[in-house]
Amino acid sequence: MDNGTADAWRTDGFVILPGFLSSDDLAAALGEVETMFPTPDGFHDGTDPRRTRYVDDEFDGIDEFPFSSTELSLLAVHPRIVQLAEDLLGQTDLRISSAEAWAKYTGAASYDQALHRDYLNQTILVPSTENRYQQLELFVFLVDVPEELGPPHVVSWDHTAHLPMNPNFYPRSGGTGEFVSTADNSNLYAAEQSGAGPAGTVIAFNTRTFHRGTSLRAPRGARYSMQLIFRPADVDWGQRMAWAARSHLPAWYAFVHRATPRQLELFGFPPPGHQFWTAETLNGIQQRYPELDVRPWRDSS
């Protein structure tokens, strides 16, 4: 990653990286997408019985980590993704706070959103402007997402840095409700930038960055993507998902058995050499995860 990428993320609050993941990076996960979500034909022809799940609410298409597709779970912590998070956050001691896979289909629901920040469900505090406390969000496109397939739109901090923490939602012409702006906000929509891009595109943005989902207009269209959140390990107030509560799911075991020590650190596994690792805990972890190669932890204890 060049310095300009990190500079743009810090200056504008986002950076769009077209085709950041290669077709080879995506291939294994794409091969299993159909096990998680209907194909475009399956949805639009009504031949997939899962179709009804995705109708009416825009968020119905979200699956949470660990995914039933182990390949998609591994893609969420792909080495290129992890390196990007380290480069943008300027730290290596990181945690993944959330990982979601999202399927959207033309006509299933309204995906057009008001401009907003995501901090209300990502921290119990408010976003800080201090570099060491930043939280990083990533949209990862698994397929091509042109404008007619509803790419996210983002707005540079140049236009939003002065806005307060409340309100947080900014409809075009204002609205009503808690945390909703009542003003005319058309100037913000005039300043937004589309994140449209080919498969493998990554949109990296900050918890303080205004963005929104847009409508799917392509006939028989479908969009598959991931949304990932990374934070410094000591940003304890930014935990969105509690991994322990999901760590006895079959999909979790399938993921752990194939993950590297570095990938597992992102979920809270102590690294090799950590004082947690003793003969007792190493034996126990091998009993819990019988297919996990524990040699990196044994060799460092």
Protein backbone atom coordinates (compact mmCIF):
# COMPACT_ATOMS: atom_id res chain seq x y z
CA MET A 1 0.00 0.00 0.00
CA ASP A 2 1.38 3.41 -0.92
CA ASN A 3 1.47 6.32 1.49
CA GLY A 4 -1.24 8.09 -0.47
CA THR A 5 -3.78 5.45 0.49
CA ALA A 6 -3.23 5.95 4.21
CA ASP A 7 -3.10 9.72 3.76
CA ALA A 8 -6.44 9.73 1.94
CA TRP A 9 -8.04 7.59 4.63
CA ARG A 10 -6.79 9.95 7.35
CA THR A 11 -7.62 13.14 5.44
CA ASP A 12 -10.93 12.28 3.77
CA GLY A 13 -12.16 9.59 6.14
CA PHE A 14 -12.23 6.98 3.38
CA VAL A 15 -10.32 5.50 0.47
CA ILE A 16 -11.70 3.44 -2.43
CA LEU A 17 -9.40 0.65 -3.65
CA PRO A 18 -10.73 -0.84 -6.93
CA GLY A 19 -9.90 -4.52 -7.38
CA PHE A 20 -7.82 -4.62 -4.18
CA LEU A 21 -8.41 -8.38 -3.92
CA SER A 22 -7.57 -10.39 -7.02
CA SER A 23 -9.76 -12.98 -8.71
CA ASP A 24 -7.49 -15.63 -7.20
CA ASP A 25 -8.02 -14.15 -3.73
CA LEU A 26 -11.80 -14.32 -4.20
CA ALA A 27 -12.10 -17.64 -6.04
CA ALA A 28 -12.49 -20.05 -3.13
CA ALA A 29 -15.06 -17.87 -1.34
CA LEU A 30 -17.02 -17.23 -4.53
CA GLY A 31 -17.19 -20.96 -5.06
CA GLU A 32 -19.21 -21.25 -1.84
CA VAL A 33 -21.41 -18.14 -2.04
CA GLU A 34 -24.30 -20.19 -3.41
CA THR A 35 -24.26 -22.31 -0.24
CA MET A 36 -25.08 -19.16 1.72
CA PHE A 37 -27.25 -17.08 -0.59
CA PRO A 38 -29.59 -17.57 -3.56
CA THR A 39 -28.15 -17.03 -7.02
CA PRO A 40 -29.63 -14.15 -9.02
CA ASP A 41 -31.70 -16.63 -11.02
CA GLY A 42 -32.73 -18.54 -7.91
CA PHE A 43 -34.00 -15.36 -6.31
CA HIS A 44 -35.62 -13.66 -9.28
CA ASP A 45 -37.20 -16.84 -10.70
CA GLY A 46 -38.44 -17.86 -7.26
CA THR A 47 -36.82 -21.30 -7.55
CA ASP A 48 -34.73 -20.98 -4.38
CA PRO A 49 -36.85 -21.60 -1.26
CA ARG A 50 -34.59 -19.22 0.69
CA ARG A 51 -35.90 -16.31 -1.38
CA THR A 52 -38.54 -15.19 1.13
CA ARG A 53 -35.90 -14.41 3.74
CA TYR A 54 -34.56 -11.48 1.69
CA VAL A 55 -37.83 -9.69 0.97
CA ASP A 56 -39.07 -6.51 2.68
CA ASP A 57 -36.15 -5.45 4.92
CA GLU A 58 -32.76 -4.34 3.62
CA PHE A 59 -30.91 -6.00 6.48
CA ASP A 60 -32.50 -9.44 5.96
CA GLY A 61 -29.65 -10.38 3.65
CA ILE A 62 -26.97 -10.23 6.37
CA ASP A 63 -25.20 -13.33 7.71
CA GLU A 64 -22.87 -12.92 10.69
CA PHE A 65 -19.47 -14.50 11.31
CA PRO A 66 -18.65 -17.37 11.48
CA PHE A 67 -20.11 -18.01 8.05
CA SER A 68 -21.40 -21.36 6.92
CA SER A 69 -18.81 -20.97 4.15
CA THR A 70 -15.42 -21.51 5.77
CA GLU A 71 -13.76 -20.00 2.71
CA LEU A 72 -15.69 -16.77 3.21
CA SER A 73 -14.75 -16.74 6.90
CA LEU A 74 -11.09 -17.05 5.91
CA LEU A 75 -11.47 -14.29 3.32
CA ALA A 76 -12.63 -11.91 6.08
CA VAL A 77 -9.13 -12.17 7.57
CA HIS A 78 -7.21 -12.65 4.34
CA PRO A 79 -3.56 -11.55 4.73
CA ARG A 80 -4.08 -8.63 2.32
CA ILE A 81 -7.10 -7.45 4.33
CA VAL A 82 -5.18 -7.73 7.61
CA GLN A 83 -2.19 -5.87 6.17
CA LEU A 84 -4.48 -3.10 4.95
CA ALA A 85 -6.01 -2.78 8.42
CA GLU A 86 -2.55 -2.59 9.98
CA ASP A 87 -1.39 0.03 7.49
CA LEU A 88 -4.44 2.26 7.85
CA LEU A 89 -4.69 2.00 11.63
CA GLY A 90 -0.91 2.26 12.04
CA GLN A 91 -0.86 -0.62 14.52
CA THR A 92 -0.44 -4.39 14.49
CA ASP A 93 -2.20 -5.28 17.75
CA LEU A 94 -5.69 -5.34 16.25
CA ARG A 95 -9.04 -7.04 16.78
CA ILE A 96 -11.83 -7.72 14.33
CA SER A 97 -14.98 -6.33 15.91
CA SER A 98 -17.49 -7.54 13.35
CA ALA A 99 -17.72 -9.50 10.11
CA GLU A 100 -20.88 -9.73 8.05
CA ALA A 101 -21.70 -11.10 4.60
CA TRP A 102 -24.53 -9.35 2.77
CA ALA A 103 -26.66 -10.36 -0.19
CA LYS A 104 -28.91 -7.79 -1.89
CA TYR A 105 -31.33 -8.35 -4.77
CA THR A 106 -33.05 -5.87 -7.06
CA GLY A 107 -36.63 -5.41 -5.93
CA ALA A 108 -36.26 -7.34 -2.68
CA ALA A 109 -36.29 -4.26 -0.45
CA SER A 110 -35.44 -0.58 -0.45
CA TYR A 111 -31.69 -0.28 -0.03
CA ASP A 112 -31.57 3.50 -0.42
CA GLN A 113 -30.43 4.98 2.88
CA ALA A 114 -30.01 8.40 4.43
CA LEU A 115 -26.43 9.54 4.96
CA HIS A 116 -25.26 8.42 8.39
CA ARG A 117 -22.32 7.30 10.52
CA ASP A 118 -22.15 3.78 11.98
CA TYR A 119 -20.84 4.64 15.40
CA LEU A 120 -24.12 4.13 17.25
CA ASN A 121 -23.81 0.34 17.00
CA GLN A 122 -20.02 0.13 17.00
CA THR A 123 -18.98 1.89 20.17
CA ILE A 124 -20.52 2.68 23.54
CA LEU A 125 -18.74 6.06 23.34
CA VAL A 126 -18.28 8.38 20.35
CA PRO A 127 -15.62 8.40 17.62
CA SER A 128 -12.36 10.07 18.53
CA THR A 129 -10.16 12.13 16.23
CA GLU A 130 -7.01 10.66 17.84
CA ASN A 131 -5.23 8.32 15.41
CA ARG A 132 -4.60 5.66 18.06
CA TYR A 133 -8.34 5.28 18.72
CA GLN A 134 -9.62 4.97 15.15
CA GLN A 135 -11.95 2.18 14.06
CA LEU A 136 -11.79 0.93 10.48
CA GLU A 137 -14.73 -0.29 8.43
CA LEU A 138 -14.30 -2.15 5.15
CA PHE A 139 -16.80 -2.91 2.42
CA VAL A 140 -15.46 -5.79 0.31
CA PHE A 141 -17.11 -6.51 -3.05
CA LEU A 142 -17.26 -10.20 -3.95
CA VAL A 143 -18.70 -9.37 -7.38
CA ASP A 144 -18.69 -6.38 -9.70
CA VAL A 145 -20.75 -3.54 -8.20
CA PRO A 146 -21.50 -0.87 -10.83
CA GLU A 147 -23.74 2.05 -9.98
CA GLU A 148 -26.91 0.15 -10.87
CA LEU A 149 -26.10 -2.51 -8.24
CA GLY A 150 -26.20 -0.10 -5.31
CA PRO A 151 -22.63 0.70 -4.26
CA PRO A 152 -22.13 2.64 -1.03
CA HIS A 153 -21.70 6.38 -1.34
CA VAL A 154 -19.32 8.24 0.97
CA VAL A 155 -18.72 11.87 1.90
CA SER A 156 -15.34 13.41 2.68
CA TRP A 157 -14.68 14.90 6.10
CA ASP A 158 -14.20 18.22 4.30
CA HIS A 159 -17.99 18.46 4.24
CA THR A 160 -18.86 16.81 7.56
CA ALA A 161 -16.15 17.46 10.17
CA HIS A 162 -18.22 20.26 11.72
CA LEU A 163 -21.30 18.10 12.27
CA PRO A 164 -22.20 17.11 15.85
CA MET A 165 -22.60 13.57 17.13
CA ASN A 166 -26.35 14.09 17.33
CA PRO A 167 -28.09 14.06 14.91
CA ASN A 168 -26.49 11.10 13.18
CA PHE A 169 -28.91 10.45 10.30
CA TYR A 170 -29.22 13.09 7.57
CA PRO A 171 -32.11 12.58 5.12
CA ARG A 172 -31.98 14.74 2.00
CA SER A 173 -34.74 17.09 3.10
CA GLY A 174 -34.69 16.35 6.80
CA GLY A 175 -36.87 14.06 8.85
CA THR A 176 -38.15 13.31 12.31
CA GLY A 177 -37.12 11.01 15.11
CA GLU A 178 -34.32 10.54 17.57
CA PHE A 179 -30.85 11.29 16.13
CA VAL A 180 -32.39 12.44 12.82
CA SER A 181 -31.59 15.80 11.23
CA THR A 182 -34.56 18.05 10.49
CA ALA A 183 -32.62 20.31 8.10
CA ASP A 184 -32.26 20.40 4.33
CA ASN A 185 -29.14 18.27 3.74
CA SER A 186 -29.05 18.29 -0.05
CA ASN A 187 -25.55 19.83 0.06
CA LEU A 188 -24.18 16.64 1.62
CA TYR A 189 -25.71 14.50 -1.13
CA ALA A 190 -24.19 16.78 -3.76
CA ALA A 191 -20.77 16.06 -2.21
CA GLU A 192 -21.02 12.27 -1.98
CA GLN A 193 -18.75 9.97 -3.97
CA SER A 194 -19.74 6.60 -5.39
CA GLY A 195 -17.83 3.49 -4.35
CA ALA A 196 -18.74 1.56 -7.51
CA GLY A 197 -16.03 -0.85 -8.58
CA PRO A 198 -15.12 -4.32 -9.84
CA ALA A 199 -15.05 -7.51 -7.82
CA GLY A 200 -12.39 -7.32 -5.12
CA THR A 201 -12.88 -3.59 -4.54
CA VAL A 202 -12.44 -2.50 -0.92
CA ILE A 203 -13.91 0.71 0.48
CA ALA A 204 -12.08 1.59 3.68
CA PHE A 205 -13.70 4.21 5.87
CA ASN A 206 -13.78 5.49 9.41
CA THR A 207 -16.49 5.21 12.05
CA ARG A 208 -16.82 9.01 11.77
CA THR A 209 -17.38 8.90 8.00
CA PHE A 210 -20.81 9.63 6.55
CA HIS A 211 -21.96 7.10 3.98
CA ARG A 212 -25.11 5.36 2.76
CA GLY A 213 -26.41 2.39 0.85
CA THR A 214 -28.00 3.06 -2.55
CA SER A 215 -30.71 1.40 -4.59
CA LEU A 216 -30.26 -1.66 -6.80
CA ARG A 217 -31.70 -0.85 -10.23
CA ALA A 218 -30.20 -3.48 -12.54
CA PRO A 219 -32.87 -5.92 -13.81
CA ARG A 220 -32.51 -9.28 -12.03
CA GLY A 221 -29.56 -7.83 -10.16
CA ALA A 222 -27.72 -9.29 -7.16
CA ARG A 223 -24.87 -7.96 -5.05
CA TYR A 224 -22.69 -9.97 -2.66
CA SER A 225 -20.29 -8.24 -0.29
CA MET A 226 -18.75 -8.28 3.18
CA GLN A 227 -18.62 -5.58 5.83
CA LEU A 228 -15.69 -5.86 8.25
CA ILE A 229 -14.68 -3.75 11.25
CA PHE A 230 -11.21 -3.62 12.77
CA ARG A 231 -10.04 -1.75 15.86
CA PRO A 232 -6.91 -1.44 18.00
CA ALA A 233 -6.90 -4.10 20.71
CA ASP A 234 -7.08 -1.54 23.51
CA VAL A 235 -10.15 0.22 22.06
CA ASP A 236 -12.23 -1.88 24.42
CA TRP A 237 -15.30 0.32 23.99
CA GLY A 238 -15.53 -0.65 20.33
CA GLN A 239 -16.49 -4.31 20.66
CA ARG A 240 -19.47 -4.96 18.38
CA MET A 241 -19.62 -8.76 18.45
CA ALA A 242 -18.72 -11.04 21.35
CA TRP A 243 -16.89 -13.91 19.70
CA ALA A 244 -17.09 -16.19 22.74
CA ALA A 245 -20.86 -16.24 22.36
CA ARG A 246 -20.42 -17.62 18.83
CA SER A 247 -17.47 -19.89 19.50
CA HIS A 248 -19.36 -23.15 19.90
CA LEU A 249 -21.02 -22.99 16.48
CA PRO A 250 -19.93 -25.67 13.99
CA ALA A 251 -18.85 -22.94 11.57
CA TRP A 252 -16.53 -21.49 14.23
CA TYR A 253 -14.73 -24.80 14.68
CA ALA A 254 -14.42 -25.20 10.91
CA PHE A 255 -12.83 -21.75 10.71
CA VAL A 256 -10.45 -22.18 13.67
CA HIS A 257 -9.16 -25.49 12.34
CA ARG A 258 -7.95 -23.77 9.16
CA ALA A 259 -6.93 -20.35 10.48
CA THR A 260 -3.38 -19.17 11.14
CA PRO A 261 -2.21 -17.94 14.55
CA ARG A 262 -2.23 -14.37 13.19
CA GLN A 263 -5.82 -14.69 11.99
CA LEU A 264 -6.88 -16.12 15.34
CA GLU A 265 -5.18 -13.27 17.21
CA LEU A 266 -7.68 -10.90 15.59
CA PHE A 267 -10.46 -12.70 17.50
CA GLY A 268 -8.59 -12.66 20.82
CA PHE A 269 -6.43 -15.81 20.75
CA PRO A 270 -3.21 -15.00 22.64
CA PRO A 271 -0.24 -15.07 20.25
CA PRO A 272 2.49 -17.72 20.44
CA GLY A 273 4.78 -16.95 23.37
CA HIS A 274 2.02 -15.38 25.47
CA GLN A 275 2.06 -16.40 29.14
CA PHE A 276 -1.43 -17.90 28.78
CA TRP A 277 0.09 -20.80 26.90
CA THR A 278 1.16 -23.50 29.34
CA ALA A 279 1.20 -27.28 29.09
CA GLU A 280 -2.27 -27.26 30.62
CA THR A 281 -3.84 -24.73 28.25
CA LEU A 282 -2.08 -26.16 25.18
CA ASN A 283 -3.44 -29.62 25.96
CA GLY A 284 -6.86 -28.13 26.55
CA ILE A 285 -6.91 -26.14 23.32
CA GLN A 286 -5.91 -29.25 21.39
CA GLN A 287 -8.80 -31.13 22.99
CA ARG A 288 -11.27 -28.38 22.11
CA TYR A 289 -9.93 -27.91 18.57
CA PRO A 290 -8.56 -31.35 17.61
CA GLU A 291 -7.70 -30.37 14.03
CA LEU A 292 -5.85 -27.17 14.99
CA ASP A 293 -2.08 -27.29 14.47
CA VAL A 294 -0.88 -26.08 17.88
CA ARG A 295 2.82 -26.35 17.07
CA PRO A 296 3.30 -22.56 16.69
CA TRP A 297 2.09 -22.10 20.28
CA ARG A 298 3.93 -25.15 21.66
CA ASP A 299 7.19 -24.17 19.98
CA SER A 300 7.02 -20.69 21.57
CA SER A 301 6.00 -21.70 25.08
